[in-house]
C-alpha atoms as a PDB file:
ATOM      1  CA  UNK A   1      30.535  15.462   6.579  1.00  0.00           C
ATOM      2  CA  UNK A   2      28.626  12.194   6.223  1.00  0.00           C
ATOM      3  CA  UNK A   3      25.770  11.758   8.690  1.00  0.00           C
ATOM      4  CA  UNK A   4      26.124   8.995  11.263  1.00  0.00           C
ATOM      5  CA  UNK A   5      23.722   6.132  10.731  1.00  0.00           C
ATOM      6  CA  UNK A   6      21.448   5.102  13.569  1.00  0.00           C
ATOM      7  CA  UNK A   7      18.960   2.345  14.187  1.00  0.00           C
ATOM      8  CA  UNK A   8      16.327   3.908  16.394  1.00  0.00           C
ATOM      9  CA  UNK A   9      12.595   4.411  16.120  1.00  0.00           C
ATOM     10  CA  UNK A  10      11.958   7.461  13.988  1.00  0.00           C
ATOM     11  CA  UNK A  11      10.553  10.485  15.742  1.00  0.00           C
ATOM     12  CA  UNK A  12      10.560  14.061  14.516  1.00  0.00           C
ATOM     13  CA  UNK A  13       7.879  15.541  12.292  1.00  0.00           C
ATOM     14  CA  UNK A  14       4.871  13.237  11.875  1.00  0.00           C
ATOM     15  CA  UNK A  15       4.480  14.464   8.287  1.00  0.00           C
ATOM     16  CA  UNK A  16       7.732  12.666   7.418  1.00  0.00           C
ATOM     17  CA  UNK A  17       5.990   9.294   7.330  1.00  0.00           C
ATOM     18  CA  UNK A  18       2.560  10.371   6.127  1.00  0.00           C
ATOM     19  CA  UNK A  19       1.053   9.392   2.771  1.00  0.00           C
ATOM     20  CA  UNK A  20      -1.698  11.580   1.332  1.00  0.00           C
ATOM     21  CA  UNK A  21      -3.292  11.075  -2.085  1.00  0.00           C
ATOM     22  CA  UNK A  22      -6.387  12.932  -3.221  1.00  0.00           C
ATOM     23  CA  UNK A  23      -7.990  12.614  -6.642  1.00  0.00           C
ATOM     24  CA  UNK A  24      -4.944  10.659  -7.871  1.00  0.00           C
ATOM     25  CA  UNK A  25      -5.099   9.903 -11.587  1.00  0.00           C
ATOM     26  CA  UNK A  26      -2.684   7.824 -13.665  1.00  0.00           C
ATOM     27  CA  UNK A  27      -3.314   7.497 -17.391  1.00  0.00           C
ATOM     28  CA  UNK A  28      -1.219   5.344 -19.713  1.00  0.00           C
ATOM     29  CA  UNK A  29      -1.350   6.339 -23.369  1.00  0.00           C
ATOM     30  CA  UNK A  30      -0.202   4.777 -26.597  1.00  0.00           C
ATOM     31  CA  UNK A  31      -0.849   5.896 -30.136  1.00  0.00           C
ATOM     32  CA  UNK A  32      -4.096   3.909 -30.200  1.00  0.00           C
ATOM     33  CA  UNK A  33      -5.397   3.426 -26.664  1.00  0.00           C
ATOM     34  CA  UNK A  34      -5.689   5.206 -23.340  1.00  0.00           C
ATOM     35  CA  UNK A  35      -5.846   3.259 -20.066  1.00  0.00           C
ATOM     36  CA  UNK A  36      -7.082   4.925 -16.888  1.00  0.00           C
ATOM     37  CA  UNK A  37      -5.223   2.936 -14.218  1.00  0.00           C
ATOM     38  CA  UNK A  38      -6.059   5.189 -11.249  1.00  0.00           C
ATOM     39  CA  UNK A  39      -9.359   7.054 -11.415  1.00  0.00           C
ATOM     40  CA  UNK A  40      -9.348   9.857  -8.878  1.00  0.00           C
ATOM     41  CA  UNK A  41      -8.112   7.685  -6.006  1.00  0.00           C
ATOM     42  CA  UNK A  42      -8.051   8.945  -2.398  1.00  0.00           C
ATOM     43  CA  UNK A  43      -5.545   7.192  -0.128  1.00  0.00           C
ATOM     44  CA  UNK A  44      -4.244   8.117   3.315  1.00  0.00           C
ATOM     45  CA  UNK A  45      -1.739   6.422   5.639  1.00  0.00           C
ATOM     46  CA  UNK A  46      -0.689   7.828   8.995  1.00  0.00           C
ATOM     47  CA  UNK A  47       2.973   7.997  10.109  1.00  0.00           C
ATOM     48  CA  UNK A  48       4.112   4.667  11.559  1.00  0.00           C
ATOM     49  CA  UNK A  49       1.028   2.802  10.325  1.00  0.00           C
ATOM     50  CA  UNK A  50       1.334  -0.613   8.627  1.00  0.00           C
ATOM     51  CA  UNK A  51      -1.446  -1.442   6.171  1.00  0.00           C
ATOM     52  CA  UNK A  52      -2.132  -3.974   3.431  1.00  0.00           C
ATOM     53  CA  UNK A  53      -3.613  -3.230   0.002  1.00  0.00           C
ATOM     54  CA  UNK A  54      -5.653  -5.856  -1.832  1.00  0.00           C
ATOM     55  CA  UNK A  55      -7.484  -6.042  -5.144  1.00  0.00           C
ATOM     56  CA  UNK A  56      -7.870  -8.073  -8.301  1.00  0.00           C
ATOM     57  CA  UNK A  57      -5.206  -8.078 -11.011  1.00  0.00           C
ATOM     58  CA  UNK A  58      -5.448  -4.837 -12.961  1.00  0.00           C
ATOM     59  CA  UNK A  59      -7.249  -3.002 -10.163  1.00  0.00           C
ATOM     60  CA  UNK A  60      -4.481  -0.403  -9.852  1.00  0.00           C
ATOM     61  CA  UNK A  61      -2.715  -1.461  -6.659  1.00  0.00           C
ATOM     62  CA  UNK A  62       0.744  -1.934  -8.224  1.00  0.00           C
ATOM     63  CA  UNK A  63       0.333   1.343 -10.118  1.00  0.00           C
ATOM     64  CA  UNK A  64      -0.394   3.059  -6.807  1.00  0.00           C
ATOM     65  CA  UNK A  65       2.727   1.561  -5.244  1.00  0.00           C
ATOM     66  CA  UNK A  66       4.880   2.617  -8.205  1.00  0.00           C
ATOM     67  CA  UNK A  67       3.581   6.185  -7.933  1.00  0.00           C
ATOM     68  CA  UNK A  68       4.232   6.276  -4.176  1.00  0.00           C
ATOM     69  CA  UNK A  69       7.717   4.864  -4.752  1.00  0.00           C
ATOM     70  CA  UNK A  70       8.639   7.542  -7.283  1.00  0.00           C
ATOM     71  CA  UNK A  71       8.914   4.917 -10.016  1.00  0.00           C
ATOM     72  CA  UNK A  72       5.958   6.280 -11.990  1.00  0.00           C
ATOM     73  CA  UNK A  73       4.777   9.821 -12.669  1.00  0.00           C
ATOM     74  CA  UNK A  74       1.198  10.667 -11.571  1.00  0.00           C
ATOM     75  CA  UNK A  75      -0.972  12.270 -14.247  1.00  0.00           C
ATOM     76  CA  UNK A  76      -3.115  14.459 -11.982  1.00  0.00           C
ATOM     77  CA  UNK A  77      -4.242  14.922  -8.401  1.00  0.00           C
ATOM     78  CA  UNK A  78      -2.476  15.435  -5.086  1.00  0.00           C
ATOM     79  CA  UNK A  79       0.335  13.067  -4.016  1.00  0.00           C
ATOM     80  CA  UNK A  80       2.366  13.884  -0.910  1.00  0.00           C
ATOM     81  CA  UNK A  81       4.643  11.250   0.595  1.00  0.00           C
ATOM     82  CA  UNK A  82       7.044  11.787   3.474  1.00  0.00           C
ATOM     83  CA  UNK A  83       6.693  15.552   3.171  1.00  0.00           C
ATOM     84  CA  UNK A  84       7.431  15.513  -0.583  1.00  0.00           C
ATOM     85  CA  UNK A  85       5.103  16.668  -3.371  1.00  0.00           C
ATOM     86  CA  UNK A  86       5.449  13.995  -6.054  1.00  0.00           C
ATOM     87  CA  UNK A  87       3.535  16.072  -8.613  1.00  0.00           C
ATOM     88  CA  UNK A  88       6.218  18.763  -8.799  1.00  0.00           C
ATOM     89  CA  UNK A  89       9.438  16.728  -8.504  1.00  0.00           C
ATOM     90  CA  UNK A  90      12.108  16.958 -11.170  1.00  0.00           C
ATOM     91  CA  UNK A  91      14.325  14.002 -12.117  1.00  0.00           C
ATOM     92  CA  UNK A  92      17.110  14.855  -9.652  1.00  0.00           C
ATOM     93  CA  UNK A  93      14.653  15.256  -6.777  1.00  0.00           C
ATOM     94  CA  UNK A  94      12.938  12.006  -7.711  1.00  0.00           C
ATOM     95  CA  UNK A  95      16.231  10.084  -7.587  1.00  0.00           C
ATOM     96  CA  UNK A  96      17.013  11.520  -4.146  1.00  0.00           C
ATOM     97  CA  UNK A  97      13.487  10.671  -2.994  1.00  0.00           C
ATOM     98  CA  UNK A  98      13.845   7.039  -4.098  1.00  0.00           C
ATOM     99  CA  UNK A  99      17.219   6.790  -2.384  1.00  0.00           C
ATOM    100  CA  UNK A 100      16.412   8.445   0.939  1.00  0.00           C
ATOM    101  CA  UNK A 101      12.661   8.587   1.609  1.00  0.00           C
ATOM    102  CA  UNK A 102      11.223   5.249   0.466  1.00  0.00           C
ATOM    103  CA  UNK A 103      12.424   1.661   0.569  1.00  0.00           C
ATOM    104  CA  UNK A 104      11.013  -0.894  -1.881  1.00  0.00           C
ATOM    105  CA  UNK A 105      10.669  -4.689  -1.675  1.00  0.00           C
ATOM    106  CA  UNK A 106       9.670  -6.511  -4.867  1.00  0.00           C
ATOM    107  CA  UNK A 107       8.099  -9.932  -5.291  1.00  0.00           C
ATOM    108  CA  UNK A 108      10.978 -11.080  -7.516  1.00  0.00           C
ATOM    109  CA  UNK A 109      14.211 -11.438  -5.549  1.00  0.00           C
ATOM    110  CA  UNK A 110      16.224 -10.698  -8.706  1.00  0.00           C
ATOM    111  CA  UNK A 111      14.975  -7.098  -8.431  1.00  0.00           C
ATOM    112  CA  UNK A 112      15.886  -6.848  -4.757  1.00  0.00           C
ATOM    113  CA  UNK A 113      19.372  -8.372  -4.523  1.00  0.00           C
ATOM    114  CA  UNK A 114      22.667  -8.408  -6.409  1.00  0.00           C
ATOM    115  CA  UNK A 115      23.330 -12.126  -7.111  1.00  0.00           C
ATOM    116  CA  UNK A 116      27.136 -11.825  -6.911  1.00  0.00           C
ATOM    117  CA  UNK A 117      27.153 -10.117  -3.486  1.00  0.00           C
ATOM    118  CA  UNK A 118      26.639 -11.780  -0.123  1.00  0.00           C
ATOM    119  CA  UNK A 119      23.825 -10.686   2.195  1.00  0.00           C
ATOM    120  CA  UNK A 120      25.926  -8.154   4.095  1.00  0.00           C
ATOM    121  CA  UNK A 121      27.337  -6.605   0.932  1.00  0.00           C
ATOM    122  CA  UNK A 122      23.827  -6.347  -0.524  1.00  0.00           C
ATOM    123  CA  UNK A 123      22.718  -4.312   2.492  1.00  0.00           C
ATOM    124  CA  UNK A 124      25.860  -2.169   2.288  1.00  0.00           C
ATOM    125  CA  UNK A 125      25.451  -1.507  -1.445  1.00  0.00           C
ATOM    126  CA  UNK A 126      22.860   1.336  -1.200  1.00  0.00           C
ATOM    127  CA  UNK A 127      24.835   2.806   1.701  1.00  0.00           C
ATOM    128  CA  UNK A 128      27.950   2.942  -0.455  1.00  0.00           C
ATOM    129  CA  UNK A 129      26.017   4.687  -3.232  1.00  0.00           C
ATOM    130  CA  UNK A 130      24.801   7.240  -0.668  1.00  0.00           C
ATOM    131  CA  UNK A 131      28.414   7.923   0.333  1.00  0.00           C
ATOM    132  CA  UNK A 132      28.501   6.502   3.861  1.00  0.00           C
ATOM    133  CA  UNK A 133      31.942   5.434   5.178  1.00  0.00           C
ATOM    134  CA  UNK A 134      32.887   1.769   5.318  1.00  0.00           C
ATOM    135  CA  UNK A 135      32.640   1.373   9.086  1.00  0.00           C
ATOM    136  CA  UNK A 136      29.169   2.945   9.223  1.00  0.00           C
ATOM    137  CA  UNK A 137      28.072   0.651   6.395  1.00  0.00           C
ATOM    138  CA  UNK A 138      29.314  -2.418   8.251  1.00  0.00           C
ATOM    139  CA  UNK A 139      27.606  -1.447  11.525  1.00  0.00           C
ATOM    140  CA  UNK A 140      24.314  -0.630   9.806  1.00  0.00           C
ATOM    141  CA  UNK A 141      24.252  -3.817   7.718  1.00  0.00           C
ATOM    142  CA  UNK A 142      24.915  -6.037  10.732  1.00  0.00           C
ATOM    143  CA  UNK A 143      22.236  -4.270  12.779  1.00  0.00           C
ATOM    144  CA  UNK A 144      19.654  -4.736  10.043  1.00  0.00           C
ATOM    145  CA  UNK A 145      20.574  -8.358   9.397  1.00  0.00           C
ATOM    146  CA  UNK A 146      20.172  -9.000  13.105  1.00  0.00           C
ATOM    147  CA  UNK A 147      16.696  -7.436  13.076  1.00  0.00           C
ATOM    148  CA  UNK A 148      15.586  -9.685  10.194  1.00  0.00           C
ATOM    149  CA  UNK A 149      17.180 -12.705  11.893  1.00  0.00           C
ATOM    150  CA  UNK A 150      19.929 -13.389   9.362  1.00  0.00           C
ATOM    151  CA  UNK A 151      23.164 -12.118  10.879  1.00  0.00           C
ATOM    152  CA  UNK A 152      24.474 -15.689  10.866  1.00  0.00           C
ATOM    153  CA  UNK A 153      23.878 -15.803   7.079  1.00  0.00           C
ATOM    154  CA  UNK A 154      25.665 -12.515   6.372  1.00  0.00           C
ATOM    155  CA  UNK A 155      28.325 -14.115   4.146  1.00  0.00           C
ATOM    156  CA  UNK A 156      25.897 -16.137   2.026  1.00  0.00           C
ATOM    157  CA  UNK A 157      24.953 -15.104  -1.498  1.00  0.00           C
ATOM    158  CA  UNK A 158      21.287 -15.082  -2.613  1.00  0.00           C
ATOM    159  CA  UNK A 159      21.635 -18.459  -4.362  1.00  0.00           C
ATOM    160  CA  UNK A 160      22.676 -19.956  -1.028  1.00  0.00           C
ATOM    161  CA  UNK A 161      19.595 -18.612   0.770  1.00  0.00           C
ATOM    162  CA  UNK A 162      16.007 -19.861   0.767  1.00  0.00           C
ATOM    163  CA  UNK A 163      13.246 -17.756  -0.800  1.00  0.00           C
ATOM    164  CA  UNK A 164      12.101 -16.523   2.586  1.00  0.00           C
ATOM    165  CA  UNK A 165      15.653 -15.643   3.618  1.00  0.00           C
ATOM    166  CA  UNK A 166      16.159 -13.736   0.372  1.00  0.00           C
ATOM    167  CA  UNK A 167      13.073 -11.626   1.073  1.00  0.00           C
ATOM    168  CA  UNK A 168      14.226 -10.932   4.618  1.00  0.00           C
ATOM    169  CA  UNK A 169      17.572  -9.716   3.256  1.00  0.00           C
ATOM    170  CA  UNK A 170      15.599  -7.619   0.748  1.00  0.00           C
ATOM    171  CA  UNK A 171      13.777  -5.948   3.651  1.00  0.00           C
ATOM    172  CA  UNK A 172      17.145  -5.121   5.225  1.00  0.00           C
ATOM    173  CA  UNK A 173      18.356  -3.675   1.904  1.00  0.00           C
ATOM    174  CA  UNK A 174      15.204  -1.548   1.601  1.00  0.00           C
ATOM    175  CA  UNK A 175      15.815  -0.156   5.104  1.00  0.00           C
ATOM    176  CA  UNK A 176      19.526   0.554   4.602  1.00  0.00           C
ATOM    177  CA  UNK A 177      19.249   4.314   4.059  1.00  0.00           C
ATOM    178  CA  UNK A 178      16.724   4.792   6.885  1.00  0.00           C
ATOM    179  CA  UNK A 179      13.650   5.472   4.740  1.00  0.00           C
ATOM    180  CA  UNK A 180      10.549   6.903   6.367  1.00  0.00           C
ATOM    181  CA  UNK A 181       8.297   4.677   4.279  1.00  0.00           C
ATOM    182  CA  UNK A 182       8.591   1.008   3.268  1.00  0.00           C
ATOM    183  CA  UNK A 183       6.674  -0.202   0.205  1.00  0.00           C
ATOM    184  CA  UNK A 184       6.340  -3.899  -0.625  1.00  0.00           C
ATOM    185  CA  UNK A 185       4.733  -5.285  -3.785  1.00  0.00           C
ATOM    186  CA  UNK A 186       3.646  -8.903  -3.197  1.00  0.00           C
ATOM    187  CA  UNK A 187       6.710  -9.671  -1.019  1.00  0.00           C
ATOM    188  CA  UNK A 188       5.293 -13.101  -0.106  1.00  0.00           C
ATOM    189  CA  UNK A 189       3.812 -13.944  -3.509  1.00  0.00           C
ATOM    190  CA  UNK A 190       6.333 -16.697  -4.322  1.00  0.00           C
ATOM    191  CA  UNK A 191       6.489 -18.206  -0.819  1.00  0.00           C
ATOM    192  CA  UNK A 192       4.578 -20.993   0.918  1.00  0.00           C
ATOM    193  CA  UNK A 193       2.135 -20.018   3.656  1.00  0.00           C
ATOM    194  CA  UNK A 194       4.416 -20.661   6.640  1.00  0.00           C
ATOM    195  CA  UNK A 195       7.339 -18.787   5.081  1.00  0.00           C
ATOM    196  CA  UNK A 196       5.055 -15.942   3.992  1.00  0.00           C
ATOM    197  CA  UNK A 197       3.934 -15.439   7.582  1.00  0.00           C
ATOM    198  CA  UNK A 198       7.578 -15.429   8.743  1.00  0.00           C
ATOM    199  CA  UNK A 199       8.458 -12.720   6.221  1.00  0.00           C
ATOM    200  CA  UNK A 200       5.421 -10.646   7.114  1.00  0.00           C
ATOM    201  CA  UNK A 201       6.295 -11.014  10.787  1.00  0.00           C
ATOM    202  CA  UNK A 202       9.625  -9.347   9.962  1.00  0.00           C
ATOM    203  CA  UNK A 203       7.766  -6.488   8.270  1.00  0.00           C
ATOM    204  CA  UNK A 204       5.647  -6.090  11.387  1.00  0.00           C
ATOM    205  CA  UNK A 205       8.768  -6.109  13.563  1.00  0.00           C
ATOM    206  CA  UNK A 206      10.588  -3.369  11.626  1.00  0.00           C
ATOM    207  CA  UNK A 207       7.398  -1.316  11.574  1.00  0.00           C
ATOM    208  CA  UNK A 208       7.074  -1.602  15.355  1.00  0.00           C
ATOM    209  CA  UNK A 209      10.770  -1.226  16.224  1.00  0.00           C
ATOM    210  CA  UNK A 210      11.771   1.475  13.746  1.00  0.00           C
ATOM    211  CA  UNK A 211       8.461   3.322  13.322  1.00  0.00           C
ATOM    212  CA  UNK A 212       8.615   3.024   9.527  1.00  0.00           C
ATOM    213  CA  UNK A 213       5.319   3.558   7.700  1.00  0.00           C
ATOM    214  CA  UNK A 214       4.516   0.402   5.712  1.00  0.00           C
ATOM    215  CA  UNK A 215       2.292  -0.279   2.685  1.00  0.00           C
ATOM    216  CA  UNK A 216       2.157  -3.918   1.561  1.00  0.00           C
ATOM    217  CA  UNK A 217       0.336  -5.077  -1.575  1.00  0.00           C
ATOM    218  CA  UNK A 218      -0.747  -8.705  -1.275  1.00  0.00           C
ATOM    219  CA  UNK A 219      -3.083 -11.342  -2.717  1.00  0.00           C
ATOM    220  CA  UNK A 220      -2.718 -13.546   0.355  1.00  0.00           C
ATOM    221  CA  UNK A 221      -5.751 -13.199   2.676  1.00  0.00           C
ATOM    222  CA  UNK A 222      -3.818 -14.704   5.586  1.00  0.00           C
ATOM    223  CA  UNK A 223      -1.156 -12.016   5.230  1.00  0.00           C
ATOM    224  CA  UNK A 224      -3.642  -9.174   4.739  1.00  0.00           C
ATOM    225  CA  UNK A 225      -5.375 -10.080   8.000  1.00  0.00           C
ATOM    226  CA  UNK A 226      -2.247  -9.479  10.092  1.00  0.00           C
ATOM    227  CA  UNK A 227      -2.666  -5.686  10.208  1.00  0.00           C
ATOM    228  CA  UNK A 228      -5.174  -3.273  11.692  1.00  0.00           C
ATOM    229  CA  UNK A 229      -6.308  -1.872   8.328  1.00  0.00           C
ATOM    230  CA  UNK A 230      -6.708  -3.369   4.869  1.00  0.00           C
ATOM    231  CA  UNK A 231      -7.560  -1.172   1.880  1.00  0.00           C
ATOM    232  CA  UNK A 232      -9.272  -2.685  -1.174  1.00  0.00           C
ATOM    233  CA  UNK A 233      -8.850  -1.169  -4.646  1.00  0.00           C
ATOM    234  CA  UNK A 234     -11.301  -1.786  -7.470  1.00  0.00           C
ATOM    235  CA  UNK A 235     -11.230  -0.177 -10.914  1.00  0.00           C
ATOM    236  CA  UNK A 236      -8.599   2.349  -9.901  1.00  0.00           C
ATOM    237  CA  UNK A 237     -10.374   3.620  -6.783  1.00  0.00           C
ATOM    238  CA  UNK A 238     -10.493   2.701  -3.101  1.00  0.00           C
ATOM    239  CA  UNK A 239     -13.651   0.609  -2.758  1.00  0.00           C
ATOM    240  CA  UNK A 240     -13.599  -0.463   0.885  1.00  0.00           C
ATOM    241  CA  UNK A 241     -11.550  -0.729   4.061  1.00  0.00           C
ATOM    242  CA  UNK A 242     -11.458  -3.420   6.716  1.00  0.00           C
ATOM    243  CA  UNK A 243     -10.533  -2.131  10.167  1.00  0.00           C
ATOM    244  CA  UNK A 244      -9.498  -4.663  12.797  1.00  0.00           C
ATOM    245  CA  UNK A 245      -9.040  -4.579  16.536  1.00  0.00           C
ATOM    246  CA  UNK A 246      -6.584  -7.099  17.973  1.00  0.00           C
ATOM    247  CA  UNK A 247      -4.981  -8.127  14.660  1.00  0.00           C
ATOM    248  CA  UNK A 248      -1.618  -9.900  14.620  1.00  0.00           C
ATOM    249  CA  UNK A 249      -0.004 -13.293  14.771  1.00  0.00           C
ATOM    250  CA  UNK A 250      -0.594 -13.668  18.503  1.00  0.00           C
ATOM    251  CA  UNK A 251      -4.172 -12.419  18.473  1.00  0.00           C
ATOM    252  CA  UNK A 252      -6.719 -14.608  20.243  1.00  0.00           C
ATOM    253  CA  UNK A 253      -9.731 -12.505  19.294  1.00  0.00           C
ATOM    254  CA  UNK A 254     -10.020 -10.157  16.326  1.00  0.00           C
ATOM    255  CA  UNK A 255     -12.930  -7.816  15.673  1.00  0.00           C
ATOM    256  CA  UNK A 256     -13.131  -6.788  12.004  1.00  0.00           C
ATOM    257  CA  UNK A 257     -15.470  -4.256  10.418  1.00  0.00           C
ATOM    258  CA  UNK A 258     -15.755  -3.537   6.705  1.00  0.00           C
ATOM    259  CA  UNK A 259     -16.510  -0.017   5.517  1.00  0.00           C
ATOM    260  CA  UNK A 260     -17.349   1.257   2.047  1.00  0.00           C
ATOM    261  CA  UNK A 261     -15.263   4.331   1.237  1.00  0.00           C
ATOM    262  CA  UNK A 262     -16.795   7.654   0.234  1.00  0.00           C
ATOM    263  CA  UNK A 263     -14.197   9.591  -1.740  1.00  0.00           C
ATOM    264  CA  UNK A 264     -13.694  13.346  -1.981  1.00  0.00           C
ATOM    265  CA  UNK A 265     -15.983  13.499  -5.042  1.00  0.00           C
ATOM    266  CA  UNK A 266     -18.831  11.800  -3.158  1.00  0.00           C
ATOM    267  CA  UNK A 267     -18.456   8.504  -5.040  1.00  0.00           C
ATOM    268  CA  UNK A 268     -19.171   5.204  -3.344  1.00  0.00           C
ATOM    269  CA  UNK A 269     -18.455   1.692  -4.653  1.00  0.00           C
ATOM    270  CA  UNK A 270     -20.856  -0.976  -3.458  1.00  0.00           C
ATOM    271  CA  UNK A 271     -19.221  -4.314  -2.559  1.00  0.00           C
ATOM    272  CA  UNK A 272     -19.392  -6.747  -5.479  1.00  0.00           C
ATOM    273  CA  UNK A 273     -21.247  -9.345  -3.424  1.00  0.00           C
ATOM    274  CA  UNK A 274     -24.026  -6.811  -2.756  1.00  0.00           C
ATOM    275  CA  UNK A 275     -24.238  -5.905  -6.436  1.00  0.00           C
ATOM    276  CA  UNK A 276     -24.499  -9.565  -7.428  1.00  0.00           C
ATOM    277  CA  UNK A 277     -26.955 -10.492  -4.671  1.00  0.00           C
ATOM    278  CA  UNK A 278     -29.417  -7.745  -5.677  1.00  0.00           C
ATOM    279  CA  UNK A 279     -28.664  -8.017  -9.411  1.00  0.00           C
ATOM    280  CA  UNK A 280     -27.817  -4.327  -9.555  1.00  0.00           C
ATOM    281  CA  UNK A 281     -27.016  -2.964 -13.010  1.00  0.00           C
ATOM    282  CA  UNK A 282     -26.421   0.515 -14.396  1.00  0.00           C
ATOM    283  CA  UNK A 283     -29.053   2.352 -12.366  1.00  0.00           C
ATOM    284  CA  UNK A 284     -30.285   1.897  -8.801  1.00  0.00           C
ATOM    285  CA  UNK A 285     -32.896   3.625  -6.639  1.00  0.00           C
ATOM    286  CA  UNK A 286     -31.803   5.481  -3.528  1.00  0.00           C
ATOM    287  CA  UNK A 287     -33.960   6.626  -0.653  1.00  0.00           C
ATOM    288  CA  UNK A 288     -32.890   8.588   2.407  1.00  0.00           C
ATOM    289  CA  UNK A 289     -34.272   7.190   5.643  1.00  0.00           C
ATOM    290  CA  UNK A 290     -33.887   8.647   9.126  1.00  0.00           C
ATOM    291  CA  UNK A 291     -30.727   6.669   9.895  1.00  0.00           C
ATOM    292  CA  UNK A 292     -29.617   5.060   6.630  1.00  0.00           C
ATOM    293  CA  UNK A 293     -29.748   5.172   2.836  1.00  0.00           C
ATOM    294  CA  UNK A 294     -31.741   2.483   1.055  1.00  0.00           C
ATOM    295  CA  UNK A 295     -30.506   1.051  -2.256  1.00  0.00           C
ATOM    296  CA  UNK A 296     -32.813  -0.911  -4.583  1.00  0.00           C
ATOM    297  CA  UNK A 297     -32.397  -2.380  -8.058  1.00  0.00           C
ATOM    298  CA  UNK A 298     -34.210  -0.846 -10.996  1.00  0.00           C
ATOM    299  CA  UNK A 299     -37.174  -2.951 -12.086  1.00  0.00           C
ATOM    300  CA  UNK A 300     -38.435  -2.653 -15.619  1.00  0.00           C
ATOM    301  CA  UNK A 301     -42.149  -2.799 -14.706  1.00  0.00           C
ATOM    302  CA  UNK A 302     -42.119  -1.206 -11.302  1.00  0.00           C
ATOM    303  CA  UNK A 303     -44.851   1.008  -9.946  1.00  0.00           C
ATOM    304  CA  UNK A 304     -43.314   3.210  -7.333  1.00  0.00           C
ATOM    305  CA  UNK A 305     -44.120   6.433  -5.640  1.00  0.00           C
ATOM    306  CA  UNK A 306     -41.695   8.160  -8.003  1.00  0.00           C
ATOM    307  CA  UNK A 307     -44.052   7.345 -10.891  1.00  0.00           C
ATOM    308  CA  UNK A 308     -47.059   8.970  -9.204  1.00  0.00           C
ATOM    309  CA  UNK A 309     -47.389  12.718  -9.921  1.00  0.00           C
ATOM    310  CA  UNK A 310     -48.738  13.380  -6.432  1.00  0.00           C
ATOM    311  CA  UNK A 311     -45.490  12.072  -4.947  1.00  0.00           C
ATOM    312  CA  UNK A 312     -43.792  15.145  -6.376  1.00  0.00           C
ATOM    313  CA  UNK A 313     -46.598  17.564  -5.540  1.00  0.00           C
ATOM    314  CA  UNK A 314     -47.821  17.583  -9.152  1.00  0.00           C
ATOM    315  CA  UNK A 315     -51.413  16.518  -8.397  1.00  0.00           C
ATOM    316  CA  UNK A 316     -54.585  18.482  -9.122  1.00  0.00           C
ATOM    317  CA  UNK A 317     -55.086  21.922  -7.593  1.00  0.00           C
ATOM    318  CA  UNK A 318     -57.416  21.969  -4.624  1.00  0.00           C
END
């Protein structure tokens, strides 16, 4: 018997919407080269949380999203998403995971929507593949289109919709099979600022109303600031996090704090602006103080206490 579709905030086991990566490695190999895209990355998202992920091109953020979405196979490490172990999945399990556990929104609308179907039929398409009856598909599609504000455009094909409207339909499509987790790779990348904010506002709304865990990769600083937590990736690892209080479109006062991230191997990436300001290179000096750790650049002709034998207790016997 086919399960009845609903449109309520997800409850149940908190682990259903949790993302946990520890020591995640993804290596791409060809006959001549080997590229380490993710280098022992640690990444955690709580059930129902909405976060943004930022980083330069080639930093590994899209690779991370593809791994979380079951579109790419991790090389090593721990990857658990929505109660599933992505390291041990076979092909059949991976297909079911992509269909039922995660929803995906791409930057390119051609990847999100069938051009020959209208908006309602696009939303119903994944439901039909999952075997839901026609009436349930119709009810679900209309509910989702209403949430994204496009029920009045239900009979329009993608070519008859604006870029922002296409992405809002894409969000509805991604949510069709009631996924626990919504992943979006640059969903506002091809939109102007005002439209980008409208689309992200829809993502915030479905996160709040349906309790879906959301991970959004973006280059847009205005978009990334609309959530309580932003994770930065550099060279295949989490480098820093910005945690905000009072974030959102209607916020009048936002308090933001940036934290460097210490991973499970004890590695810490210094912010690039600190590295450049102090001209830090391959080696730095560290010193433990009572309430902080000092970091200094290496100087070629530096006389320090580390160069004096007595500093190490190697002085003359007395």
